[in-house]
PDB file of all heavy atoms in Angstrom:
ATOM      1  N   ASN A   1       0.841  -1.191   0.000  1.00  0.00           N
ATOM      2  CA  ASN A   1       0.000   0.000   0.000  1.00  0.00           C
ATOM      3  C   ASN A   1       0.887   1.257   0.000  1.00  0.00           C
ATOM      4  O   ASN A   1       0.872   2.064   0.918  1.00  0.00           O
ATOM      5  CB  ASN A   1      -0.911  -0.014   1.235  1.00  0.00           C
ATOM      6  CG  ASN A   1      -1.854   1.162   1.251  1.00  0.00           C
ATOM      7  OD1 ASN A   1      -2.284   1.637   0.204  1.00  0.00           O
ATOM      8  ND2 ASN A   1      -2.175   1.646   2.443  1.00  0.00           N
ATOM      9  N   TRP A   2       1.655   1.429  -1.052  1.00  0.00           N
ATOM     10  CA  TRP A   2       2.662   2.482  -1.084  1.00  0.00           C
ATOM     11  C   TRP A   2       2.352   3.618  -2.057  1.00  0.00           C
ATOM     12  O   TRP A   2       2.888   4.716  -1.923  1.00  0.00           O
ATOM     13  CB  TRP A   2       4.023   1.878  -1.453  1.00  0.00           C
ATOM     14  CG  TRP A   2       4.066   1.310  -2.849  1.00  0.00           C
ATOM     15  CD1 TRP A   2       3.635   0.083  -3.240  1.00  0.00           C
ATOM     16  CD2 TRP A   2       4.574   1.959  -4.014  1.00  0.00           C
ATOM     17  NE1 TRP A   2       3.835  -0.089  -4.583  1.00  0.00           N
ATOM     18  CE2 TRP A   2       4.421   1.054  -5.088  1.00  0.00           C
ATOM     19  CE3 TRP A   2       5.134   3.199  -4.269  1.00  0.00           C
ATOM     20  CZ2 TRP A   2       4.810   1.363  -6.388  1.00  0.00           C
ATOM     21  CZ3 TRP A   2       5.534   3.513  -5.557  1.00  0.00           C
ATOM     22  CH2 TRP A   2       5.371   2.602  -6.598  1.00  0.00           C
ATOM     23  N   ARG A   3       1.445   3.380  -3.006  1.00  0.00           N
ATOM     24  CA  ARG A   3       1.160   4.428  -4.016  1.00  0.00           C
ATOM     25  C   ARG A   3       0.290   5.531  -3.420  1.00  0.00           C
ATOM     26  O   ARG A   3      -0.123   5.709  -3.098  1.00  0.00           O
ATOM     27  CB  ARG A   3       0.445   3.821  -5.216  1.00  0.00           C
ATOM     28  CG  ARG A   3       1.274   2.780  -5.927  1.00  0.00           C
ATOM     29  CD  ARG A   3       0.460   2.112  -7.022  1.00  0.00           C
ATOM     30  NE  ARG A   3       1.207   1.167  -7.814  1.00  0.00           N
ATOM     31  CZ  ARG A   3       1.408  -0.096  -7.487  1.00  0.00           C
ATOM     32  NH1 ARG A   3       0.865  -0.555  -6.351  1.00  0.00           N
ATOM     33  NH2 ARG A   3       2.131  -0.892  -8.250  1.00  0.00           N
ATOM     34  N   ASN A   4       0.206   6.599  -3.495  1.00  0.00           N
ATOM     35  CA  ASN A   4      -0.737   7.616  -2.997  1.00  0.00           C
ATOM     36  C   ASN A   4      -0.819   7.703  -1.478  1.00  0.00           C
ATOM     37  O   ASN A   4      -1.872   8.058  -0.943  1.00  0.00           O
ATOM     38  CB  ASN A   4      -2.153   7.369  -3.560  1.00  0.00           C
ATOM     39  CG  ASN A   4      -2.177   7.305  -5.071  1.00  0.00           C
ATOM     40  OD1 ASN A   4      -1.484   8.090  -5.739  1.00  0.00           O
ATOM     41  ND2 ASN A   4      -2.955   6.380  -5.631  1.00  0.00           N
ATOM     42  N   LEU A   5       0.240   7.359  -0.785  1.00  0.00           N
ATOM     43  CA  LEU A   5       0.245   7.566   0.659  1.00  0.00           C
ATOM     44  C   LEU A   5       0.298   9.062   0.968  1.00  0.00           C
ATOM     45  O   LEU A   5       1.042   9.817   0.340  1.00  0.00           O
ATOM     46  CB  LEU A   5       1.455   6.882   1.298  1.00  0.00           C
ATOM     47  CG  LEU A   5       1.347   5.391   1.643  1.00  0.00           C
ATOM     48  CD1 LEU A   5       2.639   4.940   2.310  1.00  0.00           C
ATOM     49  CD2 LEU A   5       0.161   5.132   2.544  1.00  0.00           C
ATOM     50  N   GLY A   6      -0.513   9.494   1.929  1.00  0.00           N
ATOM     51  CA  GLY A   6      -0.495  10.901   2.314  1.00  0.00           C
ATOM     52  C   GLY A   6       0.752  11.248   3.111  1.00  0.00           C
ATOM     53  O   GLY A   6       1.517  10.378   3.516  1.00  0.00           O
ATOM     54  N   TYR A   7       0.966  12.522   3.322  1.00  0.00           N
ATOM     55  CA  TYR A   7       2.124  12.971   4.098  1.00  0.00           C
ATOM     56  C   TYR A   7       1.763  14.239   4.867  1.00  0.00           C
ATOM     57  O   TYR A   7       0.793  14.943   4.554  1.00  0.00           O
ATOM     58  CB  TYR A   7       3.339  13.228   3.187  1.00  0.00           C
ATOM     59  CG  TYR A   7       3.134  14.336   2.165  1.00  0.00           C
ATOM     60  CD1 TYR A   7       3.407  15.671   2.493  1.00  0.00           C
ATOM     61  CD2 TYR A   7       2.674  14.051   0.882  1.00  0.00           C
ATOM     62  CE1 TYR A   7       3.221  16.678   1.563  1.00  0.00           C
ATOM     63  CE2 TYR A   7       2.483  15.056  -0.051  1.00  0.00           C
ATOM     64  CZ  TYR A   7       2.753  16.372   0.288  1.00  0.00           C
ATOM     65  OH  TYR A   7       2.563  17.376  -0.616  1.00  0.00           O
ATOM     66  N   ASN A   8       2.542  14.508   5.873  1.00  0.00           N
ATOM     67  CA  ASN A   8       2.419  15.737   6.643  1.00  0.00           C
ATOM     68  C   ASN A   8       3.284  16.807   5.981  1.00  0.00           C
ATOM     69  O   ASN A   8       4.458  16.569   5.701  1.00  0.00           O
ATOM     70  CB  ASN A   8       2.887  15.477   8.081  1.00  0.00           C
ATOM     71  CG  ASN A   8       3.124  16.759   8.844  1.00  0.00           C
ATOM     72  OD1 ASN A   8       2.323  17.676   8.781  1.00  0.00           O
ATOM     73  ND2 ASN A   8       4.238  16.818   9.570  1.00  0.00           N
ATOM     74  N   ASP A   9       2.738  17.985   5.738  1.00  0.00           N
ATOM     75  CA  ASP A   9       3.515  19.033   5.073  1.00  0.00           C
ATOM     76  C   ASP A   9       4.027  20.099   6.041  1.00  0.00           C
ATOM     77  O   ASP A   9       4.677  21.060   5.638  1.00  0.00           O
ATOM     78  CB  ASP A   9       2.688  19.703   3.969  1.00  0.00           C
ATOM     79  CG  ASP A   9       1.537  20.545   4.508  1.00  0.00           C
ATOM     80  OD1 ASP A   9       1.138  20.335   5.674  1.00  0.00           O
ATOM     81  OD2 ASP A   9       1.025  21.402   3.762  1.00  0.00           O
ATOM     82  N   LYS A  10       3.766  19.923   7.338  1.00  0.00           N
ATOM     83  CA  LYS A  10       4.095  20.958   8.321  1.00  0.00           C
ATOM     84  C   LYS A  10       5.476  20.726   8.931  1.00  0.00           C
ATOM     85  O   LYS A  10       5.829  19.615   9.316  1.00  0.00           O
ATOM     86  CB  LYS A  10       3.034  21.013   9.416  1.00  0.00           C
ATOM     87  CG  LYS A  10       1.655  21.403   8.902  1.00  0.00           C
ATOM     88  CD  LYS A  10       0.625  21.366  10.012  1.00  0.00           C
ATOM     89  CE  LYS A  10      -0.731  21.844   9.511  1.00  0.00           C
ATOM     90  NZ  LYS A  10      -1.240  21.008   8.417  1.00  0.00           N
ATOM     91  N   VAL A  11       6.230  21.790   9.042  1.00  0.00           N
ATOM     92  CA  VAL A  11       7.529  21.794   9.711  1.00  0.00           C
ATOM     93  C   VAL A  11       7.339  22.410  11.092  1.00  0.00           C
ATOM     94  O   VAL A  11       6.791  23.506  11.222  1.00  0.00           O
ATOM     95  CB  VAL A  11       8.572  22.586   8.899  1.00  0.00           C
ATOM     96  CG1 VAL A  11       9.884  22.690   9.659  1.00  0.00           C
ATOM     97  CG2 VAL A  11       8.790  21.925   7.535  1.00  0.00           C
ATOM     98  N   GLU A  12       7.780  21.705  12.139  1.00  0.00           N
ATOM     99  CA  GLU A  12       7.609  22.188  13.515  1.00  0.00           C
ATOM    100  C   GLU A  12       8.799  23.026  13.953  1.00  0.00           C
ATOM    101  O   GLU A  12       9.930  22.807  13.521  1.00  0.00           O
ATOM    102  CB  GLU A  12       7.450  21.012  14.481  1.00  0.00           C
ATOM    103  CG  GLU A  12       6.132  20.277  14.369  1.00  0.00           C
ATOM    104  CD  GLU A  12       6.002  19.208  15.441  1.00  0.00           C
ATOM    105  OE1 GLU A  12       6.472  18.089  15.202  1.00  0.00           O
ATOM    106  OE2 GLU A  12       5.441  19.509  16.513  1.00  0.00           O
ATOM    107  N   ILE A  13       8.511  23.990  14.840  1.00  0.00           N
ATOM    108  CA  ILE A  13       9.559  24.794  15.439  1.00  0.00           C
ATOM    109  C   ILE A  13       9.751  24.323  16.882  1.00  0.00           C
ATOM    110  O   ILE A  13       8.788  24.201  17.640  1.00  0.00           O
ATOM    111  CB  ILE A  13       9.222  26.296  15.377  1.00  0.00           C
ATOM    112  CG1 ILE A  13      10.262  27.128  16.136  1.00  0.00           C
ATOM    113  CG2 ILE A  13       7.834  26.584  15.938  1.00  0.00           C
ATOM    114  CD1 ILE A  13      11.603  27.146  15.487  1.00  0.00           C
ATOM    115  N   TYR A  14      10.989  24.032  17.256  1.00  0.00           N
ATOM    116  CA  TYR A  14      11.344  23.595  18.602  1.00  0.00           C
ATOM    117  C   TYR A  14      12.320  24.592  19.217  1.00  0.00           C
ATOM    118  O   TYR A  14      13.123  25.212  18.505  1.00  0.00           O
ATOM    119  CB  TYR A  14      12.023  22.226  18.582  1.00  0.00           C
ATOM    120  CG  TYR A  14      11.114  21.054  18.381  1.00  0.00           C
ATOM    121  CD1 TYR A  14      10.683  20.696  17.112  1.00  0.00           C
ATOM    122  CD2 TYR A  14      10.698  20.272  19.460  1.00  0.00           C
ATOM    123  CE1 TYR A  14       9.853  19.596  16.916  1.00  0.00           C
ATOM    124  CE2 TYR A  14       9.869  19.173  19.277  1.00  0.00           C
ATOM    125  CZ  TYR A  14       9.449  18.843  18.005  1.00  0.00           C
ATOM    126  OH  TYR A  14       8.637  17.751  17.823  1.00  0.00           O
ATOM    127  N   ILE A  15      12.251  24.726  20.539  1.00  0.00           N
ATOM    128  CA  ILE A  15      13.349  25.344  21.262  1.00  0.00           C
ATOM    129  C   ILE A  15      13.869  24.303  22.252  1.00  0.00           C
ATOM    130  O   ILE A  15      13.099  23.498  22.792  1.00  0.00           O
ATOM    131  CB  ILE A  15      12.951  26.653  21.977  1.00  0.00           C
ATOM    132  CG1 ILE A  15      11.867  26.418  23.026  1.00  0.00           C
ATOM    133  CG2 ILE A  15      12.539  27.713  20.974  1.00  0.00           C
ATOM    134  CD1 ILE A  15      11.610  27.639  23.898  1.00  0.00           C
ATOM    135  N   GLU A  16      15.160  24.335  22.483  1.00  0.00           N
ATOM    136  CA  GLU A  16      15.803  23.314  23.328  1.00  0.00           C
ATOM    137  C   GLU A  16      16.807  23.987  24.248  1.00  0.00           C
ATOM    138  O   GLU A  16      17.585  24.841  23.817  1.00  0.00           O
ATOM    139  CB  GLU A  16      16.490  22.279  22.435  1.00  0.00           C
ATOM    140  CG  GLU A  16      17.118  21.116  23.175  1.00  0.00           C
ATOM    141  CD  GLU A  16      17.667  20.078  22.199  1.00  0.00           C
ATOM    142  OE1 GLU A  16      16.868  19.453  21.500  1.00  0.00           O
ATOM    143  OE2 GLU A  16      18.909  19.924  22.146  1.00  0.00           O
ATOM    144  N   PHE A  17      16.762  23.630  25.535  1.00  0.00           N
ATOM    145  CA  PHE A  17      17.728  24.164  26.483  1.00  0.00           C
ATOM    146  C   PHE A  17      18.055  23.106  27.525  1.00  0.00           C
ATOM    147  O   PHE A  17      17.288  22.170  27.758  1.00  0.00           O
ATOM    148  CB  PHE A  17      17.219  25.441  27.154  1.00  0.00           C
ATOM    149  CG  PHE A  17      15.976  25.267  27.992  1.00  0.00           C
ATOM    150  CD1 PHE A  17      16.048  24.975  29.342  1.00  0.00           C
ATOM    151  CD2 PHE A  17      14.717  25.424  27.422  1.00  0.00           C
ATOM    152  CE1 PHE A  17      14.911  24.817  30.105  1.00  0.00           C
ATOM    153  CE2 PHE A  17      13.563  25.280  28.185  1.00  0.00           C
ATOM    154  CZ  PHE A  17      13.663  24.978  29.532  1.00  0.00           C
ATOM    155  N   LYS A  18      19.208  23.263  28.175  1.00  0.00           N
ATOM    156  CA  LYS A  18      19.656  22.315  29.187  1.00  0.00           C
ATOM    157  C   LYS A  18      19.265  22.816  30.574  1.00  0.00           C
ATOM    158  O   LYS A  18      19.463  23.991  30.894  1.00  0.00           O
ATOM    159  CB  LYS A  18      21.173  22.130  29.099  1.00  0.00           C
ATOM    160  CG  LYS A  18      21.710  21.030  29.998  1.00  0.00           C
ATOM    161  CD  LYS A  18      23.211  20.855  29.810  1.00  0.00           C
ATOM    162  CE  LYS A  18      23.755  19.746  30.697  1.00  0.00           C
ATOM    163  NZ  LYS A  18      25.216  19.575  30.526  1.00  0.00           N
ATOM    164  N   ASN A  19      18.703  21.919  31.370  1.00  0.00           N
ATOM    165  CA  ASN A  19      18.328  22.249  32.740  1.00  0.00           C
ATOM    166  C   ASN A  19      19.551  22.062  33.639  1.00  0.00           C
ATOM    167  O   ASN A  19      19.915  20.942  33.988  1.00  0.00           O
ATOM    168  CB  ASN A  19      17.173  21.360  33.206  1.00  0.00           C
ATOM    169  CG  ASN A  19      16.784  21.624  34.634  1.00  0.00           C
ATOM    170  OD1 ASN A  19      16.845  22.756  35.108  1.00  0.00           O
ATOM    171  ND2 ASN A  19      16.391  20.579  35.337  1.00  0.00           N
ATOM    172  N   ASP A  20      20.183  23.167  34.030  1.00  0.00           N
ATOM    173  CA  ASP A  20      21.468  23.094  34.718  1.00  0.00           C
ATOM    174  C   ASP A  20      21.387  23.137  36.236  1.00  0.00           C
ATOM    175  O   ASP A  20      22.288  22.632  36.905  1.00  0.00           O
ATOM    176  CB  ASP A  20      22.372  24.250  34.257  1.00  0.00           C
ATOM    177  CG  ASP A  20      22.933  24.020  32.867  1.00  0.00           C
ATOM    178  OD1 ASP A  20      23.183  22.857  32.529  1.00  0.00           O
ATOM    179  OD2 ASP A  20      23.109  25.003  32.132  1.00  0.00           O
ATOM    180  N   GLU A  21      20.339  23.754  36.818  1.00  0.00           N
ATOM    181  CA  GLU A  21      20.417  24.112  38.227  1.00  0.00           C
ATOM    182  C   GLU A  21      19.460  23.364  39.150  1.00  0.00           C
ATOM    183  O   GLU A  21      19.839  22.942  40.234  1.00  0.00           O
ATOM    184  CB  GLU A  21      20.198  25.611  38.394  1.00  0.00           C
ATOM    185  CG  GLU A  21      21.317  26.444  37.777  1.00  0.00           C
ATOM    186  CD  GLU A  21      21.191  27.905  38.132  1.00  0.00           C
ATOM    187  OE1 GLU A  21      20.204  28.275  38.801  1.00  0.00           O
ATOM    188  OE2 GLU A  21      22.076  28.675  37.735  1.00  0.00           O
ATOM    189  N   GLU A  22      18.191  23.216  38.775  1.00  0.00           N
ATOM    190  CA  GLU A  22      17.206  22.647  39.684  1.00  0.00           C
ATOM    191  C   GLU A  22      16.356  21.609  38.961  1.00  0.00           C
ATOM    192  O   GLU A  22      16.141  21.708  37.759  1.00  0.00           O
ATOM    193  CB  GLU A  22      16.270  23.731  40.243  1.00  0.00           C
ATOM    194  CG  GLU A  22      16.953  24.772  41.103  1.00  0.00           C
ATOM    195  CD  GLU A  22      15.950  25.760  41.673  1.00  0.00           C
ATOM    196  OE1 GLU A  22      14.782  25.377  41.873  1.00  0.00           O
ATOM    197  OE2 GLU A  22      16.330  26.915  41.907  1.00  0.00           O
ATOM    198  N   VAL A  23      15.879  20.628  39.724  1.00  0.00           N
ATOM    199  CA  VAL A  23      14.917  19.681  39.165  1.00  0.00           C
ATOM    200  C   VAL A  23      13.629  20.433  38.837  1.00  0.00           C
ATOM    201  O   VAL A  23      13.131  21.209  39.657  1.00  0.00           O
ATOM    202  CB  VAL A  23      14.623  18.553  40.168  1.00  0.00           C
ATOM    203  CG1 VAL A  23      13.491  17.673  39.667  1.00  0.00           C
ATOM    204  CG2 VAL A  23      15.870  17.718  40.398  1.00  0.00           C
ATOM    205  N   LEU A  24      13.098  20.207  37.647  1.00  0.00           N
ATOM    206  CA  LEU A  24      11.861  20.864  37.225  1.00  0.00           C
ATOM    207  C   LEU A  24      10.718  19.865  37.268  1.00  0.00           C
ATOM    208  O   LEU A  24      10.731  18.874  36.537  1.00  0.00           O
ATOM    209  CB  LEU A  24      12.005  21.428  35.808  1.00  0.00           C
ATOM    210  CG  LEU A  24      13.114  22.452  35.593  1.00  0.00           C
ATOM    211  CD1 LEU A  24      13.148  22.885  34.132  1.00  0.00           C
ATOM    212  CD2 LEU A  24      12.930  23.667  36.495  1.00  0.00           C
ATOM    213  N   PRO A  25       9.708  20.091  38.119  1.00  0.00           N
ATOM    214  CA  PRO A  25       8.540  19.201  38.099  1.00  0.00           C
ATOM    215  C   PRO A  25       7.757  19.374  36.806  1.00  0.00           C
ATOM    216  O   PRO A  25       7.799  20.432  36.172  1.00  0.00           O
ATOM    217  CB  PRO A  25       7.721  19.657  39.319  1.00  0.00           C
ATOM    218  CG  PRO A  25       8.173  21.053  39.587  1.00  0.00           C
ATOM    219  CD  PRO A  25       9.596  21.144  39.147  1.00  0.00           C
ATOM    220  N   ALA A  26       7.043  18.333  36.406  1.00  0.00           N
ATOM    221  CA  ALA A  26       6.271  18.375  35.160  1.00  0.00           C
ATOM    222  C   ALA A  26       5.217  19.466  35.237  1.00  0.00           C
ATOM    223  O   ALA A  26       4.631  19.723  36.290  1.00  0.00           O
ATOM    224  CB  ALA A  26       5.614  17.022  34.909  1.00  0.00           C
ATOM    225  N   GLY A  27       4.959  20.104  34.119  1.00  0.00           N
ATOM    226  CA  GLY A  27       3.943  21.157  34.087  1.00  0.00           C
ATOM    227  C   GLY A  27       3.844  21.806  32.734  1.00  0.00           C
ATOM    228  O   GLY A  27       4.618  21.514  31.818  1.00  0.00           O
ATOM    229  N   LYS A  28       2.883  22.693  32.611  1.00  0.00           N
ATOM    230  CA  LYS A  28       2.674  23.420  31.360  1.00  0.00           C
ATOM    231  C   LYS A  28       3.600  24.628  31.302  1.00  0.00           C
ATOM    232  O   LYS A  28       3.797  25.313  32.297  1.00  0.00           O
ATOM    233  CB  LYS A  28       1.220  23.875  31.241  1.00  0.00           C
ATOM    234  CG  LYS A  28       0.899  24.574  29.917  1.00  0.00           C
ATOM    235  CD  LYS A  28      -0.598  24.780  29.745  1.00  0.00           C
ATOM    236  CE  LYS A  28      -1.139  25.805  30.703  1.00  0.00           C
ATOM    237  NZ  LYS A  28      -2.573  26.100  30.434  1.00  0.00           N
ATOM    238  N   ILE A  29       4.159  24.854  30.118  1.00  0.00           N
ATOM    239  CA  ILE A  29       5.043  26.002  29.930  1.00  0.00           C
ATOM    240  C   ILE A  29       4.522  26.834  28.763  1.00  0.00           C
ATOM    241  O   ILE A  29       4.184  26.297  27.706  1.00  0.00           O
ATOM    242  CB  ILE A  29       6.503  25.553  29.692  1.00  0.00           C
ATOM    243  CG1 ILE A  29       7.421  26.763  29.506  1.00  0.00           C
ATOM    244  CG2 ILE A  29       6.627  24.589  28.534  1.00  0.00           C
ATOM    245  CD1 ILE A  29       8.898  26.413  29.524  1.00  0.00           C
ATOM    246  N   ARG A  30       4.414  28.123  28.993  1.00  0.00           N
ATOM    247  CA  ARG A  30       3.969  29.067  27.960  1.00  0.00           C
ATOM    248  C   ARG A  30       5.132  29.983  27.612  1.00  0.00           C
ATOM    249  O   ARG A  30       5.808  30.504  28.499  1.00  0.00           O
ATOM    250  CB  ARG A  30       2.767  29.886  28.447  1.00  0.00           C
ATOM    251  CG  ARG A  30       1.634  29.042  28.993  1.00  0.00           C
ATOM    252  CD  ARG A  30       0.429  29.906  29.349  1.00  0.00           C
ATOM    253  NE  ARG A  30      -0.302  30.275  28.145  1.00  0.00           N
ATOM    254  CZ  ARG A  30      -1.119  31.344  28.067  1.00  0.00           C
ATOM    255  NH1 ARG A  30      -1.245  32.138  29.099  1.00  0.00           N
ATOM    256  NH2 ARG A  30      -1.764  31.594  26.955  1.00  0.00           N
ATOM    257  N   ILE A  31       5.362  30.167  26.305  1.00  0.00           N
ATOM    258  CA  ILE A  31       6.501  30.952  25.838  1.00  0.00           C
ATOM    259  C   ILE A  31       6.001  32.227  25.151  1.00  0.00           C
ATOM    260  O   ILE A  31       5.108  32.185  24.302  1.00  0.00           O
ATOM    261  CB  ILE A  31       7.374  30.141  24.867  1.00  0.00           C
ATOM    262  CG1 ILE A  31       7.831  28.832  25.518  1.00  0.00           C
ATOM    263  CG2 ILE A  31       8.581  30.967  24.423  1.00  0.00           C
ATOM    264  CD1 ILE A  31       8.724  29.010  26.709  1.00  0.00           C
ATOM    265  N   PHE A  32       6.612  33.360  25.539  1.00  0.00           N
ATOM    266  CA  PHE A  32       6.316  34.657  24.941  1.00  0.00           C
ATOM    267  C   PHE A  32       7.602  35.219  24.326  1.00  0.00           C
ATOM    268  O   PHE A  32       8.702  34.873  24.743  1.00  0.00           O
ATOM    269  CB  PHE A  32       5.786  35.635  25.991  1.00  0.00           C
ATOM    270  CG  PHE A  32       4.451  35.246  26.569  1.00  0.00           C
ATOM    271  CD1 PHE A  32       4.370  34.313  27.595  1.00  0.00           C
ATOM    272  CD2 PHE A  32       3.281  35.812  26.094  1.00  0.00           C
ATOM    273  CE1 PHE A  32       3.142  33.948  28.125  1.00  0.00           C
ATOM    274  CE2 PHE A  32       2.049  35.450  26.619  1.00  0.00           C
ATOM    275  CZ  PHE A  32       1.980  34.519  27.642  1.00  0.00           C
ATOM    276  N   LYS A  33       7.406  36.094  23.351  1.00  0.00           N
ATOM    277  CA  LYS A  33       8.540  36.749  22.705  1.00  0.00           C
ATOM    278  C   LYS A  33       8.323  38.254  22.765  1.00  0.00           C
ATOM    279  O   LYS A  33       7.255  38.747  22.396  1.00  0.00           O
ATOM    280  CB  LYS A  33       8.672  36.287  21.246  1.00  0.00           C
ATOM    281  CG  LYS A  33       9.836  36.898  20.492  1.00  0.00           C
ATOM    282  CD  LYS A  33       9.928  36.323  19.087  1.00  0.00           C
ATOM    283  CE  LYS A  33      11.106  36.885  18.320  1.00  0.00           C
ATOM    284  NZ  LYS A  33      10.954  38.324  18.020  1.00  0.00           N
ATOM    285  N   ASN A  34       9.323  38.965  23.276  1.00  0.00           N
ATOM    286  CA  ASN A  34       9.239  40.420  23.354  1.00  0.00           C
ATOM    287  C   ASN A  34       9.574  41.035  22.004  1.00  0.00           C
ATOM    288  O   ASN A  34      10.622  40.753  21.429  1.00  0.00           O
ATOM    289  CB  ASN A  34      10.192  40.963  24.420  1.00  0.00           C
ATOM    290  CG  ASN A  34       9.770  40.547  25.817  1.00  0.00           C
ATOM    291  OD1 ASN A  34       8.578  40.417  26.104  1.00  0.00           O
ATOM    292  ND2 ASN A  34      10.739  40.339  26.691  1.00  0.00           N
ATOM    293  N   GLU A  35       8.661  41.851  21.508  1.00  0.00           N
ATOM    294  CA  GLU A  35       8.873  42.470  20.202  1.00  0.00           C
ATOM    295  C   GLU A  35       8.148  43.802  20.137  1.00  0.00           C
ATOM    296  O   GLU A  35       6.933  43.878  20.384  1.00  0.00           O
ATOM    297  CB  GLU A  35       8.368  41.541  19.095  1.00  0.00           C
ATOM    298  CG  GLU A  35       8.747  42.006  17.700  1.00  0.00           C
ATOM    299  CD  GLU A  35       8.494  40.936  16.650  1.00  0.00           C
ATOM    300  OE1 GLU A  35       8.692  39.741  16.962  1.00  0.00           O
ATOM    301  OE2 GLU A  35       8.113  41.304  15.533  1.00  0.00           O
TER     302      GLU A  35
END
């Protein structure tokens, strides 16, 4: 079943950082950009 297979056309944006100082409990994070 390989002919006409659909695909996702969206490219996702990620940000990645290292947690250096404290254990972070699980939770929701909201990101804002100053402009």
